[in-house]
C-alpha cells in the first residue's frame, strides 16, 4: 500500500523589498524564490525608467514582508522615466 499526500495549498513566501531595483533584477529575484512574473505592468510617474515602485498580487498592493502562496503571479509597478 502506497500513500501519497498532496498539500491543499502551497507554502507561503515572504515578499522581499524590491523598491528601487530594475525590472530585470526584481524579476530574477522573484523567480528565484518561487514566484511568477505577470505580463501586466503598471507604470507610474517616476524619474527612473523600469524601476520597481511596487508589487501587485490579485490587483492589490503587496508590501515587503507580506506572505503570498508559492507559484503566485506578481505584477510589477514600474517607473515610466518621465518624472522630474
PDB file of N, CA and C in Angstrom:
ATOM      1  N   UNK A   1       0.855  -1.173   0.000  1.00  0.00           N
ATOM      2  CA  UNK A   1       0.000   0.000   0.000  1.00  0.00           C
ATOM      3  C   UNK A   1       0.895   1.228   0.000  1.00  0.00           C
ATOM      4  N   UNK A   2       0.644   2.131  -0.951  1.00  0.00           N
ATOM      5  CA  UNK A   2       1.366   3.394  -1.030  1.00  0.00           C
ATOM      6  C   UNK A   2       0.401   4.526  -0.741  1.00  0.00           C
ATOM      7  N   UNK A   3       0.871   5.484   0.026  1.00  0.00           N
ATOM      8  CA  UNK A   3       0.053   6.630   0.384  1.00  0.00           C
ATOM      9  C   UNK A   3       0.745   7.880  -0.131  1.00  0.00           C
ATOM     10  N   UNK A   4       0.054   8.641  -0.953  1.00  0.00           N
ATOM     11  CA  UNK A   4       0.596   9.881  -1.469  1.00  0.00           C
ATOM     12  C   UNK A   4      -0.206  11.032  -0.901  1.00  0.00           C
ATOM     13  N   UNK A   5       0.481  11.978  -0.289  1.00  0.00           N
ATOM     14  CA  UNK A   5      -0.173  13.150   0.290  1.00  0.00           C
ATOM     15  C   UNK A   5       0.093  14.356  -0.590  1.00  0.00           C
ATOM     16  N   UNK A   6      -0.937  15.052  -0.965  1.00  0.00           N
ATOM     17  CA  UNK A   6      -0.819  16.292  -1.718  1.00  0.00           C
ATOM     18  C   UNK A   6      -1.313  17.430  -0.841  1.00  0.00           C
ATOM     19  N   UNK A   7      -0.520  18.483  -0.698  1.00  0.00           N
ATOM     20  CA  UNK A   7      -0.961  19.599   0.126  1.00  0.00           C
ATOM     21  C   UNK A   7      -2.141  20.314  -0.525  1.00  0.00           C
ATOM     22  N   UNK A   8      -3.008  20.859   0.293  1.00  0.00           N
ATOM     23  CA  UNK A   8      -4.170  21.564  -0.239  1.00  0.00           C
ATOM     24  C   UNK A   8      -3.793  22.929  -0.800  1.00  0.00           C
ATOM     25  N   UNK A   9      -2.655  23.480  -0.384  1.00  0.00           N
ATOM     26  CA  UNK A   9      -2.170  24.741  -0.942  1.00  0.00           C
ATOM     27  C   UNK A   9      -0.656  24.796  -0.790  1.00  0.00           C
ATOM     28  N   UNK A  10      -0.055  25.697  -1.534  1.00  0.00           N
ATOM     29  CA  UNK A  10       1.391  25.863  -1.472  1.00  0.00           C
ATOM     30  C   UNK A  10       1.793  26.600  -0.196  1.00  0.00           C
ATOM     31  N   UNK A  11       3.060  26.457   0.153  1.00  0.00           N
ATOM     32  CA  UNK A  11       3.553  27.199   1.318  1.00  0.00           C
ATOM     33  C   UNK A  11       3.641  28.684   0.975  1.00  0.00           C
ATOM     34  N   UNK A  12       3.689  29.512   1.986  1.00  0.00           N
ATOM     35  CA  UNK A  12       3.728  30.955   1.773  1.00  0.00           C
ATOM     36  C   UNK A  12       5.169  31.445   1.643  1.00  0.00           C
ATOM     37  N   UNK A  13       5.345  32.432   0.780  1.00  0.00           N
ATOM     38  CA  UNK A  13       6.644  33.051   0.527  1.00  0.00           C
ATOM     39  C   UNK A  13       6.587  34.492   1.036  1.00  0.00           C
ATOM     40  N   UNK A  14       7.648  34.943   1.706  1.00  0.00           N
ATOM     41  CA  UNK A  14       7.728  36.324   2.175  1.00  0.00           C
ATOM     42  C   UNK A  14       8.249  37.207   1.051  1.00  0.00           C
ATOM     43  N   UNK A  15       7.573  38.300   0.801  1.00  0.00           N
ATOM     44  CA  UNK A  15       7.947  39.224  -0.266  1.00  0.00           C
ATOM     45  C   UNK A  15       9.165  40.044   0.171  1.00  0.00           C
ATOM     46  N   UNK A  16      10.238  40.051  -0.646  1.00  0.00           N
ATOM     47  CA  UNK A  16      11.412  40.867  -0.315  1.00  0.00           C
ATOM     48  C   UNK A  16      11.181  42.333  -0.693  1.00  0.00           C
ATOM     49  N   UNK A  17      12.034  43.222  -0.207  1.00  0.00           N
ATOM     50  CA  UNK A  17      11.962  44.639  -0.554  1.00  0.00           C
ATOM     51  C   UNK A  17      12.667  44.837  -1.894  1.00  0.00           C
ATOM     52  N   UNK A  18      11.910  45.132  -2.935  1.00  0.00           N
ATOM     53  CA  UNK A  18      12.459  45.302  -4.280  1.00  0.00           C
ATOM     54  C   UNK A  18      12.360  46.740  -4.763  1.00  0.00           C
ATOM     55  N   UNK A  19      11.938  47.648  -3.911  1.00  0.00           N
ATOM     56  CA  UNK A  19      11.783  49.043  -4.308  1.00  0.00           C
ATOM     57  C   UNK A  19      13.137  49.632  -4.722  1.00  0.00           C
ATOM     58  N   UNK A  20      13.198  50.204  -5.923  1.00  0.00           N
ATOM     59  CA  UNK A  20      14.429  50.793  -6.428  1.00  0.00           C
ATOM     60  C   UNK A  20      15.250  49.855  -7.288  1.00  0.00           C
ATOM     61  N   UNK A  21      14.854  48.604  -7.392  1.00  0.00           N
ATOM     62  CA  UNK A  21      15.563  47.649  -8.252  1.00  0.00           C
ATOM     63  C   UNK A  21      15.045  47.767  -9.675  1.00  0.00           C
ATOM     64  N   UNK A  22      15.839  47.331 -10.628  1.00  0.00           N
ATOM     65  CA  UNK A  22      15.390  47.337 -12.015  1.00  0.00           C
ATOM     66  C   UNK A  22      14.421  46.186 -12.244  1.00  0.00           C
ATOM     67  N   UNK A  23      13.691  46.272 -13.342  1.00  0.00           N
ATOM     68  CA  UNK A  23      12.726  45.224 -13.678  1.00  0.00           C
ATOM     69  C   UNK A  23      13.423  43.883 -13.816  1.00  0.00           C
ATOM     70  N   UNK A  24      14.603  43.864 -14.435  1.00  0.00           N
ATOM     71  CA  UNK A  24      15.340  42.617 -14.623  1.00  0.00           C
ATOM     72  C   UNK A  24      15.794  42.021 -13.292  1.00  0.00           C
ATOM     73  N   UNK A  25      16.328  42.848 -12.392  1.00  0.00           N
ATOM     74  CA  UNK A  25      16.772  42.363 -11.080  1.00  0.00           C
ATOM     75  C   UNK A  25      15.598  41.814 -10.271  1.00  0.00           C
ATOM     76  N   UNK A  26      14.490  42.547 -10.258  1.00  0.00           N
ATOM     77  CA  UNK A  26      13.325  42.125  -9.485  1.00  0.00           C
ATOM     78  C   UNK A  26      12.741  40.831 -10.042  1.00  0.00           C
ATOM     79  N   UNK A  27      12.672  40.721 -11.363  1.00  0.00           N
ATOM     80  CA  UNK A  27      12.122  39.513 -11.981  1.00  0.00           C
ATOM     81  C   UNK A  27      12.945  38.283 -11.635  1.00  0.00           C
ATOM     82  N   UNK A  28      14.261  38.409 -11.721  1.00  0.00           N
ATOM     83  CA  UNK A  28      15.100  37.244 -11.417  1.00  0.00           C
ATOM     84  C   UNK A  28      15.034  36.882  -9.938  1.00  0.00           C
ATOM     85  N   UNK A  29      14.956  37.871  -9.056  1.00  0.00           N
ATOM     86  CA  UNK A  29      14.870  37.577  -7.622  1.00  0.00           C
ATOM     87  C   UNK A  29      13.529  36.930  -7.272  1.00  0.00           C
ATOM     88  N   UNK A  30      12.437  37.397  -7.869  1.00  0.00           N
ATOM     89  CA  UNK A  30      11.125  36.805  -7.591  1.00  0.00           C
ATOM     90  C   UNK A  30      11.037  35.382  -8.135  1.00  0.00           C
ATOM     91  N   UNK A  31      11.604  35.139  -9.313  1.00  0.00           N
ATOM     92  CA  UNK A  31      11.619  33.776  -9.856  1.00  0.00           C
ATOM     93  C   UNK A  31      12.459  32.843  -8.993  1.00  0.00           C
ATOM     94  N   UNK A  32      13.540  33.363  -8.433  1.00  0.00           N
ATOM     95  CA  UNK A  32      14.428  32.547  -7.605  1.00  0.00           C
ATOM     96  C   UNK A  32      13.739  32.073  -6.324  1.00  0.00           C
ATOM     97  N   UNK A  33      12.813  32.862  -5.790  1.00  0.00           N
ATOM     98  CA  UNK A  33      12.133  32.447  -4.562  1.00  0.00           C
ATOM     99  C   UNK A  33      10.846  31.684  -4.845  1.00  0.00           C
ATOM    100  N   UNK A  34      10.504  31.497  -6.134  1.00  0.00           N
ATOM    101  CA  UNK A  34       9.365  30.644  -6.473  1.00  0.00           C
ATOM    102  C   UNK A  34       8.100  31.364  -6.890  1.00  0.00           C
ATOM    103  N   UNK A  35       8.217  32.616  -7.320  1.00  0.00           N
ATOM    104  CA  UNK A  35       7.044  33.358  -7.780  1.00  0.00           C
ATOM    105  C   UNK A  35       7.121  33.561  -9.292  1.00  0.00           C
ATOM    106  N   UNK A  36       5.991  33.810  -9.911  1.00  0.00           N
ATOM    107  CA  UNK A  36       5.931  34.054 -11.350  1.00  0.00           C
ATOM    108  C   UNK A  36       5.669  35.526 -11.600  1.00  0.00           C
ATOM    109  N   UNK A  37       6.208  36.041 -12.707  1.00  0.00           N
ATOM    110  CA  UNK A  37       6.051  37.445 -13.054  1.00  0.00           C
ATOM    111  C   UNK A  37       4.923  37.577 -14.071  1.00  0.00           C
ATOM    112  N   UNK A  38       3.969  38.450 -13.785  1.00  0.00           N
ATOM    113  CA  UNK A  38       2.862  38.688 -14.700  1.00  0.00           C
ATOM    114  C   UNK A  38       3.282  39.563 -15.866  1.00  0.00           C
ATOM    115  N   UNK A  39       2.427  39.655 -16.860  1.00  0.00           N
ATOM    116  CA  UNK A  39       2.718  40.456 -18.045  1.00  0.00           C
ATOM    117  C   UNK A  39       2.038  41.812 -18.016  1.00  0.00           C
ATOM    118  N   UNK A  40       1.234  42.073 -16.987  1.00  0.00           N
ATOM    119  CA  UNK A  40       0.528  43.344 -16.865  1.00  0.00           C
ATOM    120  C   UNK A  40       1.331  44.297 -15.988  1.00  0.00           C
ATOM    121  N   UNK A  41       2.198  45.071 -16.618  1.00  0.00           N
ATOM    122  CA  UNK A  41       2.998  46.046 -15.876  1.00  0.00           C
ATOM    123  C   UNK A  41       2.196  47.333 -15.738  1.00  0.00           C
ATOM    124  N   UNK A  42       2.251  47.923 -14.549  1.00  0.00           N
ATOM    125  CA  UNK A  42       1.620  49.213 -14.298  1.00  0.00           C
ATOM    126  C   UNK A  42       2.729  50.247 -14.223  1.00  0.00           C
ATOM    127  N   UNK A  43       2.558  51.362 -14.955  1.00  0.00           N
ATOM    128  CA  UNK A  43       3.575  52.405 -14.953  1.00  0.00           C
ATOM    129  C   UNK A  43       3.072  53.620 -14.185  1.00  0.00           C
ATOM    130  N   UNK A  44       3.952  54.169 -13.333  1.00  0.00           N
ATOM    131  CA  UNK A  44       3.637  55.365 -12.555  1.00  0.00           C
ATOM    132  C   UNK A  44       4.639  56.452 -12.923  1.00  0.00           C
ATOM    133  N   UNK A  45       4.281  57.697 -12.674  1.00  0.00           N
ATOM    134  CA  UNK A  45       5.154  58.820 -12.966  1.00  0.00           C
ATOM    135  C   UNK A  45       6.364  58.779 -12.039  1.00  0.00           C
ATOM    136  N   UNK A  46       7.536  58.540 -12.609  1.00  0.00           N
ATOM    137  CA  UNK A  46       8.762  58.431 -11.813  1.00  0.00           C
ATOM    138  C   UNK A  46       9.949  58.740 -12.712  1.00  0.00           C
ATOM    139  N   UNK A  47      11.026  59.237 -12.147  1.00  0.00           N
ATOM    140  CA  UNK A  47      12.205  59.581 -12.925  1.00  0.00           C
ATOM    141  C   UNK A  47      12.943  58.344 -13.455  1.00  0.00           C
ATOM    142  N   UNK A  48      12.874  57.236 -12.736  1.00  0.00           N
ATOM    143  CA  UNK A  48      13.573  56.018 -13.146  1.00  0.00           C
ATOM    144  C   UNK A  48      12.725  55.173 -14.086  1.00  0.00           C
ATOM    145  N   UNK A  49      13.259  54.890 -15.266  1.00  0.00           N
ATOM    146  CA  UNK A  49      12.527  54.061 -16.223  1.00  0.00           C
ATOM    147  C   UNK A  49      12.724  52.590 -15.870  1.00  0.00           C
ATOM    148  N   UNK A  50      11.619  51.842 -15.800  1.00  0.00           N
ATOM    149  CA  UNK A  50      11.606  50.416 -15.469  1.00  0.00           C
ATOM    150  C   UNK A  50      12.225  50.112 -14.108  1.00  0.00           C
ATOM    151  N   UNK A  51      12.071  51.032 -13.166  1.00  0.00           N
ATOM    152  CA  UNK A  51      12.498  50.830 -11.784  1.00  0.00           C
ATOM    153  C   UNK A  51      11.268  50.432 -10.973  1.00  0.00           C
ATOM    154  N   UNK A  52      11.417  49.410 -10.148  1.00  0.00           N
ATOM    155  CA  UNK A  52      10.280  48.888  -9.382  1.00  0.00           C
ATOM    156  C   UNK A  52       9.840  49.907  -8.328  1.00  0.00           C
ATOM    157  N   UNK A  53       8.552  50.224  -8.359  1.00  0.00           N
ATOM    158  CA  UNK A  53       7.955  51.130  -7.381  1.00  0.00           C
ATOM    159  C   UNK A  53       6.866  50.458  -6.563  1.00  0.00           C
ATOM    160  N   UNK A  54       6.607  49.184  -6.834  1.00  0.00           N
ATOM    161  CA  UNK A  54       5.614  48.451  -6.071  1.00  0.00           C
ATOM    162  C   UNK A  54       5.326  47.107  -6.710  1.00  0.00           C
ATOM    163  N   UNK A  55       4.573  46.285  -5.980  1.00  0.00           N
ATOM    164  CA  UNK A  55       4.180  44.961  -6.455  1.00  0.00           C
ATOM    165  C   UNK A  55       2.688  44.797  -6.250  1.00  0.00           C
ATOM    166  N   UNK A  56       2.031  44.065  -7.150  1.00  0.00           N
ATOM    167  CA  UNK A  56       0.601  43.782  -7.032  1.00  0.00           C
ATOM    168  C   UNK A  56       0.368  42.281  -7.129  1.00  0.00           C
ATOM    169  N   UNK A  57      -0.537  41.811  -6.285  1.00  0.00           N
ATOM    170  CA  UNK A  57      -0.964  40.413  -6.300  1.00  0.00           C
ATOM    171  C   UNK A  57      -2.480  40.402  -6.263  1.00  0.00           C
ATOM    172  N   UNK A  58      -3.109  39.847  -7.287  1.00  0.00           N
ATOM    173  CA  UNK A  58      -4.571  39.834  -7.428  1.00  0.00           C
ATOM    174  C   UNK A  58      -5.154  41.246  -7.371  1.00  0.00           C
ATOM    175  N   UNK A  59      -4.463  42.208  -7.969  1.00  0.00           N
ATOM    176  CA  UNK A  59      -4.946  43.583  -8.027  1.00  0.00           C
ATOM    177  C   UNK A  59      -4.704  44.411  -6.783  1.00  0.00           C
ATOM    178  N   UNK A  60      -4.115  43.820  -5.753  1.00  0.00           N
ATOM    179  CA  UNK A  60      -3.872  44.541  -4.503  1.00  0.00           C
ATOM    180  C   UNK A  60      -2.379  44.801  -4.339  1.00  0.00           C
ATOM    181  N   UNK A  61      -2.050  45.918  -3.718  1.00  0.00           N
ATOM    182  CA  UNK A  61      -0.654  46.256  -3.443  1.00  0.00           C
ATOM    183  C   UNK A  61      -0.100  45.297  -2.411  1.00  0.00           C
ATOM    184  N   UNK A  62       1.115  44.799  -2.666  1.00  0.00           N
ATOM    185  CA  UNK A  62       1.797  43.886  -1.741  1.00  0.00           C
ATOM    186  C   UNK A  62       3.006  44.627  -1.184  1.00  0.00           C
ATOM    187  N   UNK A  63       3.177  44.596   0.114  1.00  0.00           N
ATOM    188  CA  UNK A  63       4.292  45.264   0.786  1.00  0.00           C
ATOM    189  C   UNK A  63       5.379  44.266   1.139  1.00  0.00           C
ATOM    190  N   UNK A  64       6.626  44.740   1.274  1.00  0.00           N
ATOM    191  CA  UNK A  64       7.701  43.837   1.717  1.00  0.00           C
ATOM    192  C   UNK A  64       7.355  43.220   3.066  1.00  0.00           C
ATOM    193  N   UNK A  65       7.571  41.921   3.192  1.00  0.00           N
ATOM    194  CA  UNK A  65       7.254  41.208   4.420  1.00  0.00           C
ATOM    195  C   UNK A  65       5.916  40.496   4.381  1.00  0.00           C
ATOM    196  N   UNK A  66       5.058  40.859   3.435  1.00  0.00           N
ATOM    197  CA  UNK A  66       3.782  40.155   3.286  1.00  0.00           C
ATOM    198  C   UNK A  66       4.037  38.740   2.781  1.00  0.00           C
ATOM    199  N   UNK A  67       3.114  37.846   3.039  1.00  0.00           N
ATOM    200  CA  UNK A  67       3.258  36.457   2.615  1.00  0.00           C
ATOM    201  C   UNK A  67       2.196  36.122   1.579  1.00  0.00           C
ATOM    202  N   UNK A  68       2.642  35.467   0.498  1.00  0.00           N
ATOM    203  CA  UNK A  68       1.725  35.009  -0.536  1.00  0.00           C
ATOM    204  C   UNK A  68       2.109  33.580  -0.915  1.00  0.00           C
ATOM    205  N   UNK A  69       1.188  32.820  -1.496  1.00  0.00           N
ATOM    206  CA  UNK A  69       1.487  31.418  -1.830  1.00  0.00           C
ATOM    207  C   UNK A  69       2.555  31.275  -2.912  1.00  0.00           C
ATOM    208  N   UNK A  70       3.306  30.205  -2.821  1.00  0.00           N
ATOM    209  CA  UNK A  70       4.313  29.857  -3.815  1.00  0.00           C
ATOM    210  C   UNK A  70       3.650  29.714  -5.180  1.00  0.00           C
ATOM    211  N   UNK A  71       4.360  30.042  -6.250  1.00  0.00           N
ATOM    212  CA  UNK A  71       3.890  29.980  -7.643  1.00  0.00           C
ATOM    213  C   UNK A  71       2.798  30.998  -7.959  1.00  0.00           C
ATOM    214  N   UNK A  72       2.627  32.011  -7.136  1.00  0.00           N
ATOM    215  CA  UNK A  72       1.656  33.065  -7.426  1.00  0.00           C
ATOM    216  C   UNK A  72       2.198  33.974  -8.516  1.00  0.00           C
ATOM    217  N   UNK A  73       1.293  34.673  -9.174  1.00  0.00           N
ATOM    218  CA  UNK A  73       1.685  35.617 -10.223  1.00  0.00           C
ATOM    219  C   UNK A  73       1.715  37.021  -9.625  1.00  0.00           C
ATOM    220  N   UNK A  74       2.880  37.658  -9.745  1.00  0.00           N
ATOM    221  CA  UNK A  74       3.104  39.004  -9.225  1.00  0.00           C
ATOM    222  C   UNK A  74       3.210  39.965 -10.410  1.00  0.00           C
ATOM    223  N   UNK A  75       2.493  41.096 -10.354  1.00  0.00           N
ATOM    224  CA  UNK A  75       2.606  42.127 -11.367  1.00  0.00           C
ATOM    225  C   UNK A  75       3.417  43.281 -10.791  1.00  0.00           C
ATOM    226  N   UNK A  76       4.326  43.808 -11.605  1.00  0.00           N
ATOM    227  CA  UNK A  76       5.228  44.869 -11.156  1.00  0.00           C
ATOM    228  C   UNK A  76       4.640  46.246 -11.440  1.00  0.00           C
ATOM    229  N   UNK A  77       4.869  47.181 -10.525  1.00  0.00           N
ATOM    230  CA  UNK A  77       4.554  48.594 -10.716  1.00  0.00           C
ATOM    231  C   UNK A  77       5.898  49.271 -10.978  1.00  0.00           C
ATOM    232  N   UNK A  78       6.038  49.852 -12.169  1.00  0.00           N
ATOM    233  CA  UNK A  78       7.328  50.379 -12.615  1.00  0.00           C
ATOM    234  C   UNK A  78       7.254  51.872 -12.884  1.00  0.00           C
ATOM    235  N   UNK A  79       8.408  52.532 -12.815  1.00  0.00           N
ATOM    236  CA  UNK A  79       8.515  53.940 -13.180  1.00  0.00           C
ATOM    237  C   UNK A  79       8.518  54.083 -14.692  1.00  0.00           C
ATOM    238  N   UNK A  80       7.964  55.211 -15.195  1.00  0.00           N
ATOM    239  CA  UNK A  80       7.885  55.408 -16.631  1.00  0.00           C
ATOM    240  C   UNK A  80       9.043  56.221 -17.205  1.00  0.00           C
ATOM    241  N   UNK A  81       9.880  56.802 -16.342  1.00  0.00           N
ATOM    242  CA  UNK A  81      11.034  57.561 -16.811  1.00  0.00           C
ATOM    243  C   UNK A  81      10.704  58.986 -17.226  1.00  0.00           C
ATOM    244  N   UNK A  82       9.490  59.428 -16.987  1.00  0.00           N
ATOM    245  CA  UNK A  82       9.076  60.769 -17.410  1.00  0.00           C
ATOM    246  C   UNK A  82       8.905  61.737 -16.242  1.00  0.00           C
ATOM    247  N   UNK A  83       9.226  61.292 -15.042  1.00  0.00           N
ATOM    248  CA  UNK A  83       9.080  62.158 -13.871  1.00  0.00           C
ATOM    249  C   UNK A  83      10.215  63.142 -13.770  1.00  0.00           C
ATOM    250  N   UNK A  84      10.134  64.007 -12.754  1.00  0.00           N
ATOM    251  CA  UNK A  84      11.194  65.002 -12.560  1.00  0.00           C
ATOM    252  C   UNK A  84      12.253  64.495 -11.655  1.00  0.00           C
TER     253      UNK A  84
END
